[in-house]
Structures are given as C-alpha cells and as structure tokens.
Protein backbone atom coordinates (compact mmCIF):
# COMPACT_ATOMS: atom_id res chain seq x y z
CA MET A 1 -0.02 -0.12 -0.31
CA ALA A 2 1.41 3.35 -1.07
CA ASN A 3 2.26 5.51 1.69
CA TYR A 4 0.37 8.90 1.52
CA GLY A 5 1.88 12.53 3.43
CA ALA A 6 0.21 14.78 5.19
CA LEU A 7 -1.31 17.19 2.63
CA GLU A 8 -2.00 13.61 0.33
CA LYS A 9 -4.14 12.62 3.39
CA LEU A 10 -5.88 15.86 3.78
CA GLY A 11 -7.04 16.00 0.26
CA LEU A 12 -7.88 12.31 0.23
CA ALA A 13 -10.15 13.43 3.72
CA PHE A 14 -11.50 16.74 1.67
CA LEU A 15 -12.52 14.51 -1.42
CA ILE A 16 -14.00 12.09 0.78
CA ALA A 17 -15.55 14.64 2.60
CA VAL A 18 -17.23 16.39 -0.61
CA VAL A 19 -17.78 12.62 -1.92
CA PHE A 20 -19.78 11.81 1.02
CA TYR A 21 -21.36 15.48 1.16
CA ILE A 22 -22.67 14.88 -2.53
CA VAL A 23 -24.28 11.68 -1.81
CA LYS A 24 -26.02 12.47 0.83
CA SER A 25 -27.33 15.34 -0.31
CA ILE A 26 -28.81 13.18 -3.58
CA VAL A 27 -30.38 10.83 -0.96
CA ASN A 28 -32.01 13.51 1.33
CA LEU A 29 -33.49 14.89 -2.18
CA VAL A 30 -34.85 11.49 -3.77
CA TYR A 31 -36.25 10.50 -0.18
CA THR A 32 -37.66 14.13 0.11
CA TYR A 33 -39.25 14.51 -3.16
CA ILE A 34 -39.76 10.77 -4.25
CA ILE A 35 -39.58 8.31 -1.76
CA GLY A 36 -41.12 10.17 1.31
CA PRO A 37 -44.63 11.52 -0.33
CA VAL A 38 -45.38 8.04 -0.92
CA VAL A 39 -44.20 5.83 2.13
CA ASN A 40 -45.54 9.29 4.50
CA LYS A 41 -48.69 10.15 2.47
CA VAL A 42 -51.19 12.39 4.97
CA ASP A 43 -54.81 11.21 4.81
CA PHE A 44 -55.45 15.14 5.70
CA LYS A 45 -59.71 14.06 6.51
CA SER A 46 -58.71 11.49 9.05
CA LYS A 47 -57.46 14.25 11.43
CA GLY A 48 -60.63 16.44 11.24
CA LYS A 49 -63.36 16.99 9.37
CA TRP A 50 -62.98 20.95 8.47
CA ALA A 51 -59.71 22.63 6.93
CA LEU A 52 -59.09 26.20 7.78
CA VAL A 53 -56.81 28.15 5.43
CA THR A 54 -56.33 31.65 5.88
CA GLY A 55 -55.31 34.64 2.97
CA SER A 56 -57.58 31.64 0.93
CA THR A 57 -58.65 33.61 -2.00
CA ASP A 58 -55.48 34.08 -4.21
CA GLY A 59 -52.41 32.58 -5.26
CA ILE A 60 -51.01 29.38 -2.81
CA GLY A 61 -53.65 29.98 0.04
CA LYS A 62 -56.57 29.06 -2.69
CA GLU A 63 -54.40 26.35 -4.03
CA TYR A 64 -54.36 24.94 -0.64
CA ALA A 65 -57.72 25.17 0.23
CA ARG A 66 -58.74 23.44 -3.44
CA GLU A 67 -55.96 20.60 -2.54
CA LEU A 68 -57.34 20.01 0.51
CA ALA A 69 -61.07 19.83 -0.67
CA ALA A 70 -60.27 17.59 -3.41
CA ARG A 71 -58.59 15.07 -0.43
CA GLY A 72 -61.88 15.36 1.19
CA CYS A 73 -61.85 18.16 3.90
CA ASP A 74 -64.92 20.48 4.41
CA ILE A 75 -63.06 23.98 3.94
CA ILE A 76 -63.09 27.32 6.44
CA LEU A 77 -61.98 30.28 3.93
CA VAL A 78 -60.48 33.07 6.03
CA SER A 79 -59.57 36.44 3.99
CA ARG A 80 -60.36 40.43 3.61
CA SER A 81 -62.64 40.14 0.93
CA ILE A 82 -66.20 39.45 1.35
CA ASP A 83 -66.33 39.26 -2.71
CA LYS A 84 -63.52 36.57 -3.28
CA LEU A 85 -64.63 35.01 -0.61
CA LYS A 86 -67.89 34.20 -1.70
CA ALA A 87 -66.48 33.24 -4.94
CA THR A 88 -64.11 30.79 -3.95
CA ALA A 89 -66.33 29.17 -1.36
CA SER A 90 -68.85 28.81 -4.11
CA GLU A 91 -66.21 27.37 -6.90
CA ILE A 92 -64.79 24.83 -4.28
CA GLU A 93 -68.72 23.46 -3.50
CA ASN A 94 -69.18 23.13 -7.11
CA ASP A 95 -65.87 21.36 -8.01
CA TYR A 96 -65.40 19.01 -4.92
CA LYS A 97 -68.59 18.91 -3.48
CA VAL A 98 -67.53 19.33 0.03
CA ASN A 99 -68.69 22.02 2.30
CA THR A 100 -66.95 25.92 2.63
CA LYS A 101 -67.46 28.31 5.53
CA ILE A 102 -66.00 31.69 4.74
CA VAL A 103 -64.92 34.24 8.04
CA GLN A 104 -64.28 37.68 6.84
CA ALA A 105 -61.00 39.02 8.52
CA ASP A 106 -58.23 41.74 7.83
CA PHE A 107 -55.36 40.63 9.42
CA SER A 108 -53.37 44.11 9.33
CA GLU A 109 -56.27 45.07 11.50
CA GLU A 110 -56.36 44.70 15.89
CA GLY A 111 -59.53 42.78 17.42
CA ILE A 112 -60.44 40.15 14.89
CA TYR A 113 -59.33 37.30 16.65
CA GLU A 114 -62.20 36.85 19.74
CA ARG A 115 -64.58 37.21 16.64
CA ILE A 116 -62.72 34.22 14.22
CA ALA A 117 -62.30 31.96 17.62
CA LYS A 118 -66.03 32.30 17.92
CA GLU A 119 -67.02 31.70 14.31
CA VAL A 120 -64.76 28.43 14.09
CA ALA A 121 -65.61 27.23 17.67
CA ASP A 122 -67.79 24.48 16.97
CA HIS A 123 -66.11 22.99 14.10
CA GLU A 124 -63.94 20.19 14.49
CA ILE A 125 -60.49 21.24 12.49
CA GLY A 126 -57.91 18.97 11.69
CA THR A 127 -55.38 21.22 9.25
CA LEU A 128 -55.09 24.69 9.86
CA VAL A 129 -52.81 26.91 6.92
CA ASN A 130 -51.33 29.69 8.05
CA ASN A 131 -50.82 31.47 4.57
CA VAL A 132 -51.62 34.75 5.01
CA GLY A 133 -49.05 37.33 4.33
CA ILE A 134 -48.29 41.27 3.50
CA SER A 135 -44.93 41.38 1.10
CA TYR A 136 -43.23 44.89 0.00
CA SER A 137 -44.68 46.90 -2.93
CA TYR A 138 -41.39 46.31 -4.51
CA PRO A 139 -37.82 45.89 -3.52
CA GLU A 140 -36.74 49.25 -0.93
CA TYR A 141 -34.40 50.20 1.61
CA PHE A 142 -36.02 50.20 4.65
CA THR A 143 -36.14 54.13 5.59
CA ASP A 144 -37.33 54.45 2.30
CA ILE A 145 -40.44 52.10 2.52
CA PRO A 146 -43.64 53.88 1.34
CA ASP A 147 -46.16 54.46 4.21
CA TRP A 148 -43.46 53.38 6.85
CA GLU A 149 -45.82 52.83 9.70
CA ASN A 150 -48.91 51.81 8.14
CA ALA A 151 -46.73 49.31 6.02
CA ILE A 152 -44.26 48.04 8.93
CA SER A 153 -47.18 47.62 10.92
CA SER A 154 -49.38 45.52 8.67
CA MET A 155 -46.11 43.28 7.64
CA ILE A 156 -46.00 42.53 11.24
CA LYS A 157 -49.75 41.83 12.06
CA ALA A 158 -50.18 39.87 8.90
CA ASN A 159 -46.86 37.82 8.95
CA MET A 160 -46.38 37.25 12.57
CA VAL A 161 -49.04 38.02 15.03
CA SER A 162 -51.34 35.76 12.73
CA VAL A 163 -49.81 32.98 12.85
CA THR A 164 -49.41 33.09 16.55
CA ARG A 165 -53.00 33.96 16.96
CA MET A 166 -54.67 31.56 14.66
CA THR A 167 -52.88 28.48 15.76
CA GLY A 168 -53.54 29.47 19.71
CA ILE A 169 -56.94 29.23 18.22
CA VAL A 170 -56.99 25.60 16.74
CA LEU A 171 -53.74 23.59 18.47
CA PRO A 172 -55.60 23.07 21.88
CA ASP A 173 -58.40 21.12 20.30
CA MET A 174 -56.11 19.07 18.02
CA VAL A 175 -54.03 18.20 21.17
CA LYS A 176 -57.44 17.38 22.96
CA ARG A 177 -57.96 14.61 19.77
CA GLY A 178 -54.53 13.71 19.61
CA LYS A 179 -54.16 14.45 15.62
CA GLY A 180 -53.86 17.33 13.49
CA VAL A 181 -51.63 19.21 10.75
CA VAL A 182 -50.54 22.66 10.65
CA ILE A 183 -48.61 24.40 7.95
CA ASN A 184 -47.11 27.51 8.17
CA ILE A 185 -46.29 29.70 4.96
CA GLY A 186 -42.72 31.05 5.79
CA SER A 187 -40.61 32.52 2.63
CA GLY A 188 -37.70 31.46 0.88
CA SER A 189 -36.43 34.95 1.61
CA SER A 190 -36.21 34.20 5.29
CA ILE A 191 -33.01 31.46 4.33
CA ILE A 192 -31.21 33.59 1.81
CA PRO A 193 -29.81 37.05 1.82
CA SER A 194 -32.44 39.51 1.25
CA PRO A 195 -31.02 43.17 1.03
CA LEU A 196 -34.39 45.53 0.35
CA LEU A 197 -36.67 42.87 1.80
CA THR A 198 -35.51 43.11 5.01
CA VAL A 199 -38.87 43.54 7.29
CA TYR A 200 -40.73 40.95 5.26
CA ALA A 201 -37.35 38.31 5.31
CA ALA A 202 -37.47 39.15 8.89
CA SER A 203 -40.84 38.50 9.78
CA LYS A 204 -41.04 35.20 7.79
CA ALA A 205 -37.79 33.99 9.67
CA TYR A 206 -40.11 34.07 12.78
CA VAL A 207 -42.75 31.64 11.14
CA ASP A 208 -39.77 29.47 10.38
CA LYS A 209 -38.70 29.74 13.83
CA PHE A 210 -41.85 29.46 15.57
CA SER A 211 -43.31 26.30 13.64
CA GLU A 212 -39.63 24.82 14.51
CA GLY A 213 -40.68 25.34 18.23
CA LEU A 214 -44.07 23.75 17.75
CA ASP A 215 -43.04 20.55 16.12
CA MET A 216 -40.36 19.96 18.85
CA GLU A 217 -43.43 20.62 21.50
CA TYR A 218 -46.38 18.56 19.61
CA SER A 219 -44.81 16.34 17.41
CA LYS A 220 -45.34 13.55 20.44
CA LYS A 221 -49.00 14.59 20.87
CA GLY A 222 -49.50 13.20 17.20
CA ILE A 223 -49.35 16.92 15.69
CA ILE A 224 -47.40 17.64 12.34
CA VAL A 225 -46.15 20.63 11.97
CA GLN A 226 -44.72 21.79 8.87
CA CYS A 227 -42.96 25.26 7.71
CA VAL A 228 -42.92 25.89 3.59
CA LEU A 229 -40.57 28.27 2.54
CA PRO A 230 -41.48 28.86 -1.08
CA GLY A 231 -39.22 31.07 -3.69
CA PHE A 232 -41.04 32.78 -6.66
CA VAL A 233 -44.75 31.71 -7.22
CA CYS A 234 -46.61 33.04 -10.40
CA SER A 235 -49.21 35.03 -8.06
CA ASN A 236 -50.40 38.21 -6.93
CA MET A 237 -48.30 38.97 -4.17
CA SER A 238 -44.87 38.09 -6.07
CA GLY A 239 -46.35 40.12 -9.35
CA ILE A 240 -45.01 37.83 -11.57
CA ARG A 241 -47.50 36.85 -14.35
CA ARG A 242 -45.89 34.37 -16.43
CA ALA A 243 -45.15 30.86 -15.05
CA THR A 244 -41.72 29.25 -15.46
CA LEU A 245 -39.94 26.37 -13.92
CA MET A 246 -38.23 28.42 -11.25
CA ALA A 247 -41.95 30.67 -10.59
CA PRO A 248 -44.48 28.29 -10.87
CA THR A 249 -48.30 28.77 -10.74
CA ALA A 250 -49.50 28.44 -7.54
CA LYS A 251 -51.58 25.39 -8.39
CA THR A 252 -48.24 23.64 -9.40
CA PHE A 253 -46.32 24.46 -6.15
CA VAL A 254 -49.00 23.49 -3.70
CA LYS A 255 -49.43 20.44 -5.27
CA SER A 256 -45.56 19.73 -4.22
CA ALA A 257 -45.12 20.98 -1.29
CA ILE A 258 -48.36 19.50 0.38
CA GLY A 259 -47.02 15.91 -0.77
CA LEU A 260 -44.24 16.74 1.63
CA VAL A 261 -46.61 17.04 4.54
CA GLY A 262 -45.31 14.18 7.21
CA THR A 263 -42.02 13.81 5.32
CA THR A 264 -40.48 17.10 6.55
CA SER A 265 -41.20 19.64 8.89
CA LYS A 266 -39.26 22.55 7.02
CA THR A 267 -39.17 22.52 3.29
CA VAL A 268 -38.88 25.14 0.31
CA GLY A 269 -41.58 22.77 -1.08
CA TYR A 270 -40.55 22.49 -4.82
CA PHE A 271 -37.57 20.93 -6.22
CA PRO A 272 -36.23 23.77 -8.14
CA HIS A 273 -36.38 26.06 -5.39
CA ALA A 274 -34.54 23.92 -3.57
CA VAL A 275 -31.59 24.14 -6.01
CA PHE A 276 -32.05 27.24 -6.17
CA VAL A 277 -31.40 27.93 -2.75
CA ASN A 278 -28.34 25.70 -2.29
CA VAL A 279 -26.82 27.59 -4.77
CA ILE A 280 -27.49 30.87 -3.53
CA ASN A 281 -26.49 30.19 0.09
CA SER A 282 -23.58 27.46 -1.40
CA ILE A 283 -22.32 31.16 -3.00
CA HIS A 284 -22.79 33.22 -0.05
CA GLY A 285 -21.19 30.77 1.90
CA THR A 286 -18.06 30.32 0.00
CA PHE A 287 -17.85 34.20 -1.31
CA GLY A 288 -20.04 36.01 1.36
CA ARG A 289 -19.27 39.55 0.26
CA PHE A 290 -20.22 38.81 -3.82
CA ALA A 291 -23.27 36.31 -3.20
CA VAL A 292 -24.29 40.11 -1.43
CA TRP A 293 -23.48 42.28 -3.88
CA LEU A 294 -25.06 39.70 -6.79
CA VAL A 295 -28.44 39.85 -4.68
CA THR A 296 -28.58 43.22 -3.58
CA ARG A 297 -27.92 44.18 -7.43
CA SER A 298 -30.73 42.51 -8.85
CA MET A 299 -32.92 44.02 -5.87
CA GLU A 300 -31.84 47.48 -7.22
CA THR A 301 -32.67 47.05 -10.83
CA THR A 302 -36.27 45.71 -9.55
CA ARG A 303 -36.73 48.36 -7.30
CA ARG A 304 -35.23 51.02 -10.79
CA LYS A 305 -38.16 49.09 -12.67
CA ALA A 306 -40.58 49.64 -10.20
CA LEU A 307 -39.97 52.81 -8.99
CA LYS A 308 -40.13 53.95 -13.01
CA LYS A 309 -43.31 52.36 -13.16
CA TYR A 310 -45.20 54.14 -10.56
CA LYS A 311 -43.21 57.57 -12.07
CA VAL A 312 -45.06 56.72 -15.55
CA LYS A 313 -48.66 55.79 -13.70
C-alpha cells in the first residue's frame, strides 16, 4: 500500500468528505421528493372534518384550500374580501362537493381573533394553513419604504401575529384529539440573503422559528407541523404573471408542497426552489461579499423598474 504524505492524506480526506456530502444531498433529495411523499402520505380528512386556510382567495392560499377540498376536507376560508370569499367558496363547493364556511377578516387590523375564534368554535379543524401574509410592493431600502409606519405594522400583524394567534385558536382542540396538521407558509427570503426585503424576510424568519418550536413541542402529541418556505411563485403577491420553471403557478407549487407534509417539517416545497436556495447559500457561504453584491444588484434593478413604472402612472 502506498505511503501518503500529510498533504495527500488531507486532500484524500477532503475528497471523501465532498463525495459523502454530495451523496448525502442526493439521497436526501430523492427521499424528500420521491420516496417520502409515497411512504408518508397524509390522510388530511382523518385529522379532522374541516381545514382552515387564511389568505385563501388568491395564489398559494386558494390552491391549498382547493387541494384540501380535493382530499375530502370541508373548508373554512378566512380572508379580507367578502366578494372573493363568496366566489372561492362557490367554486370549491361546485368543484369538489364539500361544505365551506367563510370568515371575513383583515389580518392587518386589531381585535379580529376573538370573533374568528367564535366563528370556528364548533368546527372540528384537523388542518390549519397559516398562509396570509403581506410583502413589499417592490424591493426597497428599510427607511424608504412608502407609508412606513402603516406598512411595517401591517407586515408584522399579517406575517407574525396572525400565525401565532390562529395557531393558538386551533391547536388546543387538535391536542385534545391527539391529531392535526399545522402548515405555516414562510418565505425562501428568510433563508437566503434578502436585502431590500428586510422586514418581510425577518417576519418570515419568525414563522420558520415558530414552526420549529411547535414541531419540537407537539409532534409527540400527534400534531404534524410544517413550515413551507417558497421561492418565487406566479401570484398577485409576487407580481409575476407568467409561470416558469423557477416561478411555477400556485397550483404547481402547492401540489408539490402538500405532498411533503409528513415527510419533512421544513421545506421550500418545490424541487427547483430547493436547488436555487442551495446554490445561493453555497455562493454566500464561499464568496459572502460577492453573493450579497449579486443579490443586492438584482434587487436594486427590480426597484428601479418598479419606481419607473410608478412614475409613469
């Protein structure tokens, strides 16, 4: 057997570590996106008759409501616009032959949770999807956010307070029954560099940490808790109108993400987004300043385009 010098041994150890990391990553991805959804498939209807979805009349929230209805759950829709609530409820009832209930609530306001609690008190809620959220109108520097106080307050209430209070309303009955699913929609912006989206990304980091703690506390009591951290999705919130591989429709995204419930407690929900996040974080970990410069430049370009559009209007 050949005798290796110290540097050769170090190089060999590094090579083995790299190969191990690559193999481990591939195995994890295969399990998460292919094997896990088959082995760990969740029967949502068995967790409780009703599923409650906040921010349920557009985008990701609406598609979660539709997916859960397709799996046999009756749906409680909670959102701001009464007209959209009625339209979405009618659509779901017609398409899936399930019952619906609508609750009008503006999550940027105070004093709504006592009323919501009364509205849903007599319903066996087996699945909660905390989807409602508010982002920036366009990427902007922290001190230059338009209507600063109102915008910051609304983001905190909709992104942080809502997930906490709604979970507080629904979780106790799940614990009594020893089963339930809580899905909290965060954002990929909370796990990659996100200049010019600082408050939004920070508020979604709260959702991530909150979900992690809930999972630690309640998984042993039969509750499945999952935090979903999407990248760009074709929706009203993102402003993206044309679907691509990296910005799928809300329907495509949710079909992928909901299949991961029971397999992973924290996920970006969609394989191309997982690749994107890993690439960005790898660049950031290796070339920190360059990664921040790259993302900041991209955000500033988007900001300039948005401000130019507003000036034209």
